[in-house]
Amino acid sequence: MESETAHPRPVLTARSVLPEDADRAALVARVHHPEWDGPCVAAVRGERVVDLTAVVPTVSDLMERDDAAEVVRDAEGGHVWRLDDLLGAPVGRRDVPHLLAPVDLQVIKAAGVTFARSLLERVIEERTGGDPAQAAEIRVRVGEVVGGTLEGVRPGSPEADKAKEVLVSEGLWSQYLEVGIGPDPEVFTKAPVLSAVGTGAYIGVLGTSVWNNPEPEVVLVADSRGRIRGAALGNDVNLRDVEGRSALLLSRAKDNNASCAIGPFVRLLDDGFDLEAVRGLDVDLRVEGTDGYVLHGRSSMREISRDVMELVAATHGPHHQYPDGFVLFTGTLFAPTEDRQAPGAGFTHEYGDLVRISSPRLGALVNTVIASERAAPWTYGVGALMRNLARRGVL
């Protein structure tokens, strides 16, 4: 297998990753600072990134403040970096300042099967038992029966119950259809606290996987009360061959080294970027292979089957609390089906793929695919963060 150094880092600039209206956005970043050998909470102000750790030691603490947007815009900070310098830093060098995933103590949750198109692909994975060679034939069969049945159906509605009856009679009912159109959404823990990687980093796919894909998503950032405070972009990397063998292998398919990317920044909700703006976000995907292969895709939050507030309510409430807040991947419309390596096999990653997930109001999350086994080990956990902040005197 290849090492991290086998693939060059993408060339990123402030212009290429900032939202198109960055001058009006309250943007939160995290920066690894070699002087402290640890992370700093930071505000992105134009092409300057300002350390706010003395004001708010963690992003989780920032999200608890009602004046979070004002703090990000106006609070007096400490060290200042050039965004271009942070984006140009070599991967894995702790002696160089660089961007991290812009969340810290929040639990990383994900909602699955929230778009009809990706719902059908989950059913296909299940029917193939994770074998990509069978995907094309089964896709036709499932599409003929399931596609029209699900059109316009609201999850948990009487219409959904009728659709279930039809699909059961056709022998096509599935656990994925249950969470896709049933009363309860799928919500799972995507990755451990502090394990996500940020923009510019390598993103991991298990070396044994032969059928996998990126999942470009909008990520909600919520506080301990379940209030949505901001949004970011995410890549909920998925191993289709693993999950297709059994849904009980979800953790194996989803939670691996460097398999969760969030960034480039958290955009806080404010007067110019509210929940309706989040509901209307479009997310673009571009995958560029080292062999010249290019894949395009687009996902629109307007086509989600469950409202974001419904997904948050399924995550947080009397049944479950998150004292440090949580982030929630909201699912993806995108499920690549075009053949890449062999006829009928559909899409799968190759090492060195450059994955760009972008949205005009959230910026661009850019990562290069590598084997999870060869990505930098995850070594900086909650204990290390607490000890570091205590040494710095900011707790």
Foldseek 3Di string as FASTA:
>chain_A
DDFPVVFDFDQDACVQFAFLVNQPFFWWWWKQDLVLLGIFIWTCHPQKIFGPCLPPVFVLRLQVDPCSSVCSVPPDGDDMDGNSQQLPDDPPDSNGMHTWFRHFQAFEKEWELQFPQVLLVLLLLQVVLLALLCNVVVSVVCCVQPVVLCPPAFAQDPSLVVSQVSCVVVVSDDPSSCQNRYPHTDMDGQEGGPQEGEFRAAAADAPPADAWDWWKFKKFWHHQVLDGFWIWIKTQTFRSSQCNNDVVCVCVGGYFHRNIYIDPTTTTDDPVCHLVNVQFWKKKKWKAAPVGDIDIDIWGSVRGSDRPSVVSPSVDDPVDTTNSTHMYTHYTSDDFADDDPDPSSTDDDDFQIWMWMAINNHGIGIHGYDHSVNGDDDDCHPVNSVVSCVVVVSD
